[in-house]
Protein backbone atom coordinates (compact mmCIF):
# COMPACT_ATOMS: atom_id res chain seq x y z
CA MET A 1 52.10 -86.44 115.19
CA LEU A 2 55.25 -88.20 114.04
CA LYS A 3 56.53 -84.95 112.59
CA TYR A 4 56.35 -83.18 115.97
CA PHE A 5 58.08 -86.09 117.64
CA PHE A 6 60.90 -85.88 115.09
CA TYR A 7 61.30 -82.13 115.62
CA THR A 8 61.39 -82.58 119.37
CA PHE A 9 63.97 -85.36 119.09
CA VAL A 10 66.23 -83.21 116.88
CA LEU A 11 66.03 -80.29 119.30
CA LEU A 12 66.95 -82.55 122.21
CA VAL A 13 69.94 -83.95 120.31
CA VAL A 14 71.15 -80.45 119.45
CA LEU A 15 70.72 -79.36 123.07
CA VAL A 16 72.64 -82.34 124.44
CA VAL A 17 75.47 -81.86 121.93
CA SER A 18 75.61 -78.14 122.70
CA VAL A 19 75.86 -78.72 126.43
CA ALA A 20 78.01 -81.85 126.62
CA GLY A 21 79.68 -82.10 123.22
CA PHE A 22 82.30 -79.40 123.86
CA ARG A 23 83.34 -80.51 127.30
CA GLY A 24 87.12 -80.82 127.73
CA GLN A 25 87.97 -78.23 125.10
CA LYS A 26 90.14 -75.27 126.05
CA SER A 27 89.44 -71.65 125.30
CA THR A 28 90.92 -68.29 126.21
CA LYS A 29 87.44 -66.81 126.44
CA PRO A 30 85.75 -66.58 129.84
CA PRO A 31 83.25 -69.37 130.48
CA PHE A 32 79.55 -68.76 130.11
CA GLU A 33 77.93 -68.94 133.54
CA LEU A 34 74.20 -69.14 133.99
CA PHE A 35 74.50 -68.55 137.73
CA PRO A 36 77.80 -66.77 138.51
CA ASP A 37 76.77 -66.34 142.18
CA MET A 38 79.02 -63.28 142.54
CA ASP A 39 82.15 -65.35 141.81
CA ARG A 40 83.60 -62.44 139.84
CA GLN A 41 82.65 -59.66 142.21
CA GLN A 42 84.88 -56.68 142.90
CA LYS A 43 86.46 -57.22 146.31
CA VAL A 44 89.69 -56.81 148.23
CA LYS A 45 91.55 -60.06 148.90
CA ALA A 46 94.10 -60.58 151.68
CA GLN A 47 97.74 -60.10 150.68
CA VAL A 48 96.72 -58.91 147.19
CA PRO A 49 97.34 -55.40 145.77
CA SER A 50 94.35 -53.16 145.20
CA ASN A 51 94.01 -50.03 143.10
CA PHE A 52 91.04 -48.92 145.18
CA TYR A 53 93.39 -47.26 147.70
CA ALA A 54 95.96 -44.61 146.87
CA ASP A 55 98.88 -46.65 148.25
CA GLY A 56 97.89 -49.74 146.22
CA ARG A 57 97.63 -51.94 149.30
CA GLY A 58 94.63 -54.16 149.88
CA ASN A 59 95.42 -54.78 153.56
CA ARG A 60 94.87 -51.71 155.73
CA GLU A 61 96.76 -50.70 158.83
CA PRO A 62 94.82 -51.47 162.03
CA ILE A 63 93.41 -48.53 163.92
CA THR A 64 95.76 -47.33 166.65
CA GLY A 65 95.06 -49.20 169.88
CA THR A 66 93.42 -52.18 168.18
CA VAL A 67 93.79 -55.41 170.16
CA PRO A 68 93.26 -58.62 168.14
CA LEU A 69 90.79 -61.22 169.39
CA GLY A 70 92.40 -63.60 171.86
CA TYR A 71 94.97 -61.08 173.05
CA ALA A 72 95.05 -59.30 176.40
CA MET A 73 95.32 -55.56 176.71
CA PRO A 74 98.90 -54.40 177.39
CA GLN A 75 99.40 -53.54 181.03
CA HIS A 76 100.30 -49.95 181.85
CA LYS A 77 103.45 -49.25 183.80
CA PRO A 78 102.91 -48.40 187.46
CA VAL A 79 102.52 -44.67 188.01
CA ASP A 80 104.85 -44.77 191.01
CA GLY A 81 107.82 -45.51 188.77
CA SER A 82 108.38 -49.07 190.03
CA THR A 83 109.20 -51.90 187.64
CA GLY A 84 106.03 -53.83 188.35
CA ALA A 85 108.00 -56.86 189.54
CA SER A 86 105.41 -57.51 192.22
CA GLU A 87 102.70 -58.01 189.61
CA SER A 88 101.30 -61.54 189.42
CA PRO A 89 103.24 -63.66 186.87
CA TYR A 90 99.84 -64.77 185.58
CA LYS A 91 99.09 -61.22 184.46
CA GLN A 92 102.46 -60.87 182.71
CA VAL A 93 101.53 -63.34 179.95
CA HIS A 94 99.75 -61.03 177.54
CA PHE A 95 100.13 -61.83 173.88
CA SER A 96 99.80 -64.96 171.75
CA SER A 97 102.19 -63.79 169.05
CA GLY A 98 105.60 -65.37 168.54
CA VAL A 99 106.84 -68.91 169.05
CA SER A 100 107.46 -68.95 172.81
CA TYR A 101 106.11 -71.71 175.03
CA PRO A 102 103.43 -69.51 176.67
CA ALA A 103 102.21 -68.51 173.20
CA THR A 104 102.16 -71.92 171.52
CA GLY A 105 102.51 -74.68 174.12
CA ARG A 106 105.60 -75.92 172.28
CA PHE A 107 109.31 -76.15 172.86
CA GLY A 108 110.58 -76.35 169.30
CA ASN A 109 108.55 -79.10 167.64
CA GLN A 110 107.61 -80.84 170.88
CA TRP A 111 104.67 -80.23 173.20
CA GLY A 112 105.78 -78.81 176.51
CA THR A 113 104.50 -79.56 179.99
CA GLY A 114 104.37 -77.15 182.89
CA MET A 115 102.75 -73.81 183.62
CA PRO A 116 104.51 -70.67 182.34
CA PHE A 117 103.77 -68.96 185.67
CA GLU A 118 103.26 -69.92 189.30
CA VAL A 119 99.92 -71.58 190.02
CA THR A 120 98.34 -69.68 192.89
CA PRO A 121 94.83 -69.75 194.39
CA GLU A 122 94.15 -66.67 192.23
CA VAL A 123 95.04 -68.62 189.09
CA ILE A 124 92.88 -71.61 190.08
CA ALA A 125 89.94 -69.31 190.83
CA ARG A 126 90.34 -67.58 187.49
CA GLY A 127 90.59 -70.92 185.70
CA GLN A 128 87.45 -72.17 187.44
CA GLU A 129 85.57 -69.04 186.37
CA ARG A 130 86.72 -69.26 182.73
CA PHE A 131 86.06 -73.03 182.68
CA ALA A 132 82.49 -72.43 183.86
CA ILE A 133 81.95 -69.85 181.11
CA SER A 134 83.50 -71.63 178.12
CA CYS A 135 83.95 -75.33 178.96
CA LYS A 136 81.30 -76.44 181.43
CA VAL A 137 78.49 -76.45 178.87
CA CYS A 138 80.11 -79.42 177.11
CA HIS A 139 82.54 -81.02 179.57
CA GLY A 140 80.37 -80.63 182.66
CA ALA A 141 81.14 -79.05 186.02
CA THR A 142 83.61 -81.79 186.98
CA GLY A 143 85.03 -82.30 183.49
CA ALA A 144 83.40 -85.72 183.11
CA GLY A 145 82.01 -84.90 179.65
CA ASN A 146 78.42 -84.74 180.86
CA GLY A 147 77.61 -81.11 180.12
CA ILE A 148 74.18 -80.01 179.01
CA ALA A 149 75.28 -79.74 175.35
CA GLY A 150 75.35 -83.54 175.20
CA LYS A 151 71.60 -83.62 175.89
CA TYR A 152 70.98 -81.60 172.73
CA GLY A 153 72.76 -83.87 170.26
CA LEU A 154 76.44 -82.92 170.59
CA VAL A 155 78.48 -86.11 170.49
CA ALA A 156 82.10 -87.10 171.14
CA ILE A 157 82.53 -84.81 174.17
CA ALA A 158 85.80 -85.67 175.87
CA ASN A 159 85.87 -86.83 179.47
CA LEU A 160 88.78 -84.84 180.89
CA HIS A 161 89.48 -87.63 183.41
CA GLN A 162 90.41 -90.15 180.73
CA GLN A 163 93.94 -91.42 181.16
CA ARG A 164 94.70 -90.20 177.65
CA ILE A 165 94.01 -86.61 178.69
CA ARG A 166 95.64 -87.02 182.10
CA ASP A 167 98.81 -88.03 180.26
CA MET A 168 98.46 -85.28 177.62
CA ALA A 169 101.08 -82.54 177.75
CA ASP A 170 99.90 -79.16 179.00
CA GLY A 171 101.05 -77.60 175.74
CA GLU A 172 98.87 -79.93 173.70
CA ILE A 173 95.83 -79.03 175.80
CA PHE A 174 96.69 -75.35 175.26
CA ASN A 175 96.81 -75.99 171.51
CA THR A 176 93.44 -77.76 171.62
CA ILE A 177 91.85 -74.85 173.45
CA THR A 178 93.37 -72.44 170.95
CA HIS A 179 92.60 -74.23 167.69
CA GLY A 180 89.98 -76.84 168.60
CA LYS A 181 89.91 -80.55 167.82
CA ASN A 182 87.30 -82.85 166.27
CA THR A 183 83.87 -81.46 167.23
CA MET A 184 85.37 -78.86 169.57
CA MET A 185 85.80 -75.44 168.01
CA GLY A 186 88.84 -73.28 168.69
CA TYR A 187 88.63 -70.69 171.45
CA GLY A 188 91.75 -68.73 170.51
CA ASP A 189 89.65 -65.71 169.60
CA ARG A 190 87.50 -65.93 172.74
CA ILE A 191 89.82 -66.86 175.59
CA GLN A 192 92.92 -64.80 176.32
CA VAL A 193 96.29 -66.53 176.47
CA GLN A 194 96.78 -66.40 180.22
CA ASP A 195 93.20 -67.57 180.77
CA ARG A 196 93.86 -70.67 178.64
CA TRP A 197 96.71 -71.56 180.97
CA ALA A 198 94.52 -70.84 183.99
CA ILE A 199 91.91 -73.23 182.60
CA ILE A 200 94.59 -75.89 182.18
CA ALA A 201 95.64 -75.39 185.81
CA TYR A 202 92.01 -75.84 186.87
CA ILE A 203 91.62 -78.95 184.69
CA ARG A 204 94.67 -80.47 186.38
CA ALA A 205 93.10 -79.63 189.75
CA LEU A 206 89.86 -81.34 188.69
CA GLN A 207 91.80 -84.42 187.61
CA LYS A 208 93.55 -84.60 190.95
CA SER A 209 90.24 -84.19 192.77
CA GLN A 210 88.87 -87.25 190.96
CA GLY A 211 91.44 -89.78 192.07
CA GLY A 212 94.56 -88.40 190.46
CA ALA A 213 96.20 -86.85 193.52
CA THR A 214 98.93 -88.32 195.73
CA ILE A 215 100.35 -87.30 199.09
CA ASN A 216 103.19 -85.58 197.23
CA ASP A 217 100.69 -83.10 195.75
CA VAL A 218 99.88 -81.78 199.24
CA PRO A 219 101.97 -78.75 200.28
CA ALA A 220 104.79 -79.68 202.63
CA THR A 221 103.31 -77.85 205.62
CA GLU A 222 99.91 -79.46 205.20
CA ARG A 223 101.51 -82.81 204.46
CA ALA A 224 103.31 -82.74 207.81
CA LYS A 225 99.99 -82.11 209.58
CA LEU A 226 98.34 -85.01 207.78
CA GLU A 227 101.21 -87.36 208.52
CA SER A 228 101.18 -86.43 212.20
CA GLN A 229 97.44 -87.12 212.37
CA THR A 230 97.82 -90.59 210.87
CA LYS A 231 100.50 -91.66 213.33
């Protein structure tokens, strides 16, 4: 019985030394992997040459007409030969490429504030529609952070009426919609650029509807009617 115990002990010592005794040593030979998990698989990596294709390029040219996620389709020129100047400024913000304010929400290295196009009833209606599709589930219909997702365990949903968000620059909100923040995922590949701005316009309207509006926010013609009624 003692003999078998001794043999077992020796085998365990050899096993431990074999596994742990050579740790830290360097070798030019590839490591021995019990479970490689496809770490060394043949695949094409981004920005890396590949001999699989005749031109040696791993990255392939997009198919003609491809529109990346988060971009709007380019608008066709009017068939009547006009310049299209009467088109809504909202519809003229198409692509999220480049470093312009409509594309990034920044002026240089600072967040910008202000809409890159005129806010019209059409823009507010579009923002309300897009908000209901992508934002309402978490932030709630009024933006109070009481959407149905909170009832299923999602935490840290922002109340859009917090003073912190009221004071937040429009460009920073645009960036949050694009890239996400904390538990909120980015929607840059789901919401087109101009729709992100339309959502921001609608959020500002919601904030004003919940105690953030002043008499100066009322159009001048309507303001005159209100002032005459209060006299």
